[in-house]
Amino acid sequence: MAQNLPFPSNENRQHAAAAIAGTSQVPWKRVSPTEPAPLMFQVCFCDGCATSYAYCDLREIRLRDAGFLQLGLLGMEKLVISIAGRNLTELAELIAAGKLKSFTELGPRTFDRPETSPSIDKVTVETLTGHDY
């Protein structure tokens, strides 16, 4: 019955359900040991959009705590990708090692995922201009 209520958290769960089949899975896909290192990683947003970024553009990874991660990219534009959630340390390690295929924004937290499981609540992409960033 709770799935039919018109709350934003239920709508976000529907968008992310295709990417995350069960509550025990993490919201990212890693490279298998037999695969070569990927050239790009993909960011999947809860509205269904997806954008890929080249690993060679990745210049900086900032993990403020286990719930906030920032990626600095310098490609055709200077970008900062901010990832807010919980238990994101493994995600930061996979990105640093170049072993991540994609990660998925789940949207606002829902009650169907345990508090101890990794979650990506919000992803924002900012274009930086000027010399200060």
Protein backbone atom coordinates (compact mmCIF):
# COMPACT_ATOMS: atom_id res chain seq x y z
CA MET A 1 0.00 0.00 0.00
CA ALA A 2 2.83 2.44 0.81
CA GLN A 3 4.15 2.09 -2.74
CA ASN A 4 1.01 3.69 -4.17
CA LEU A 5 1.18 6.88 -2.11
CA PRO A 6 2.08 10.00 -4.14
CA PHE A 7 5.16 10.97 -2.13
CA PRO A 8 8.33 12.13 -3.93
CA SER A 9 10.38 9.43 -2.21
CA ASN A 10 8.15 6.75 -3.75
CA GLU A 11 8.46 8.33 -7.20
CA ASN A 12 12.25 8.48 -6.92
CA ARG A 13 12.31 4.83 -5.92
CA GLN A 14 10.46 3.94 -9.12
CA HIS A 15 13.10 5.68 -11.26
CA ALA A 16 15.99 4.04 -9.44
CA ALA A 17 14.35 0.61 -9.21
CA ALA A 18 15.66 -0.43 -12.62
CA ALA A 19 19.23 0.27 -11.56
CA ILE A 20 18.98 -1.07 -8.01
CA ALA A 21 17.10 -4.37 -7.91
CA GLY A 22 17.41 -5.16 -4.20
CA THR A 23 17.98 -3.27 -1.01
CA SER A 24 21.23 -5.12 -0.34
CA GLN A 25 22.91 -3.84 -3.52
CA VAL A 26 25.07 -0.74 -3.64
CA PRO A 27 24.07 2.12 -5.99
CA TRP A 28 27.16 1.72 -8.17
CA LYS A 29 28.61 -0.79 -10.62
CA ARG A 30 32.25 -1.76 -10.41
CA VAL A 31 34.52 -3.24 -13.06
CA SER A 32 34.91 -7.02 -12.82
CA PRO A 33 38.46 -8.34 -12.29
CA THR A 34 38.65 -9.67 -15.86
CA GLU A 35 37.58 -6.40 -17.53
CA PRO A 36 40.05 -3.71 -18.58
CA ALA A 37 39.94 -0.36 -16.80
CA PRO A 38 37.12 1.80 -18.19
CA LEU A 39 37.86 5.04 -20.01
CA MET A 40 34.73 6.72 -18.65
CA PHE A 41 32.35 6.50 -15.70
CA GLN A 42 28.63 7.17 -15.93
CA VAL A 43 26.47 9.24 -13.58
CA CYS A 44 22.82 8.10 -13.61
CA PHE A 45 20.35 10.61 -12.18
CA CYS A 46 17.06 9.68 -10.50
CA ASP A 47 15.06 11.37 -13.30
CA GLY A 48 16.44 8.85 -15.81
CA CYS A 49 19.17 11.02 -17.39
CA ALA A 50 22.74 9.76 -17.57
CA THR A 51 26.03 11.53 -18.31
CA SER A 52 29.45 9.96 -18.84
CA TYR A 53 32.75 11.57 -17.82
CA ALA A 54 36.28 10.61 -18.86
CA TYR A 55 38.57 9.27 -16.16
CA CYS A 56 41.44 11.22 -17.77
CA ASP A 57 39.58 14.47 -16.89
CA LEU A 58 39.37 13.55 -13.19
CA ARG A 59 41.81 15.76 -11.28
CA GLU A 60 40.70 15.63 -7.64
CA ILE A 61 38.63 13.51 -5.27
CA ARG A 62 37.53 15.06 -1.97
CA LEU A 63 35.87 12.89 0.67
CA ARG A 64 34.77 15.22 3.47
CA ASP A 65 33.18 12.45 5.50
CA ALA A 66 31.50 9.17 4.64
CA GLY A 67 28.47 11.10 3.37
CA PHE A 68 29.89 13.81 1.08
CA LEU A 69 32.15 13.31 -1.92
CA GLN A 70 33.34 15.81 -4.54
CA LEU A 71 34.97 15.06 -7.88
CA GLY A 72 36.93 17.79 -9.67
CA LEU A 73 37.08 17.36 -13.44
CA LEU A 74 39.02 19.43 -15.94
CA GLY A 75 37.92 18.64 -19.47
CA MET A 76 36.29 20.95 -21.98
CA GLU A 77 34.89 22.73 -18.90
CA LYS A 78 35.88 22.81 -15.24
CA LEU A 79 33.31 20.76 -13.33
CA VAL A 80 32.67 19.77 -9.73
CA ILE A 81 30.41 16.77 -9.16
CA SER A 82 29.08 16.74 -5.59
CA ILE A 83 27.67 13.49 -4.24
CA ALA A 84 25.69 13.50 -0.99
CA GLY A 85 24.53 10.34 0.72
CA ARG A 86 25.85 7.87 3.27
CA ASN A 87 28.64 5.29 3.41
CA LEU A 88 30.40 6.64 0.30
CA THR A 89 33.97 5.67 1.27
CA GLU A 90 33.97 2.59 -0.98
CA LEU A 91 32.68 4.70 -3.89
CA ALA A 92 35.57 7.16 -3.43
CA GLU A 93 38.07 4.28 -3.34
CA LEU A 94 36.65 2.72 -6.53
CA ILE A 95 36.80 6.04 -8.38
CA ALA A 96 40.37 6.66 -7.20
CA ALA A 97 41.41 3.21 -8.41
CA GLY A 98 39.62 3.66 -11.78
CA LYS A 99 37.41 0.63 -11.15
CA LEU A 100 33.96 2.21 -11.32
CA LYS A 101 31.59 1.83 -14.28
CA SER A 102 28.68 3.92 -13.01
CA PHE A 103 26.82 5.20 -9.98
CA THR A 104 23.13 5.99 -9.55
CA GLU A 105 21.41 8.81 -7.69
CA LEU A 106 18.59 7.30 -5.65
CA GLY A 107 16.91 10.56 -4.62
CA PRO A 108 15.71 11.37 -1.09
CA ARG A 109 16.13 8.62 1.46
CA THR A 110 13.38 6.05 1.72
CA PHE A 111 12.52 3.68 4.51
CA ASP A 112 13.01 0.54 2.40
CA ARG A 113 16.85 0.76 2.56
CA PRO A 114 18.71 -0.04 5.77
CA GLU A 115 20.55 2.86 7.40
CA THR A 116 23.84 0.94 7.14
CA SER A 117 23.62 0.40 3.37
CA PRO A 118 25.38 2.84 0.99
CA SER A 119 23.09 5.43 -0.56
CA ILE A 120 23.48 8.30 -3.02
CA ASP A 121 20.78 10.82 -2.14
CA LYS A 122 21.76 13.72 -4.39
CA VAL A 123 24.21 14.41 -7.21
CA THR A 124 24.88 17.95 -8.41
CA VAL A 125 27.11 19.00 -11.30
CA GLU A 126 28.49 22.54 -11.23
CA THR A 127 30.40 24.31 -14.01
CA LEU A 128 33.19 26.46 -12.60
CA THR A 129 34.35 29.71 -14.17
CA GLY A 130 37.28 31.95 -13.41
CA HIS A 131 40.40 31.14 -11.45
CA ASP A 132 38.91 30.53 -7.98
CA TYR A 133 37.52 27.06 -7.36
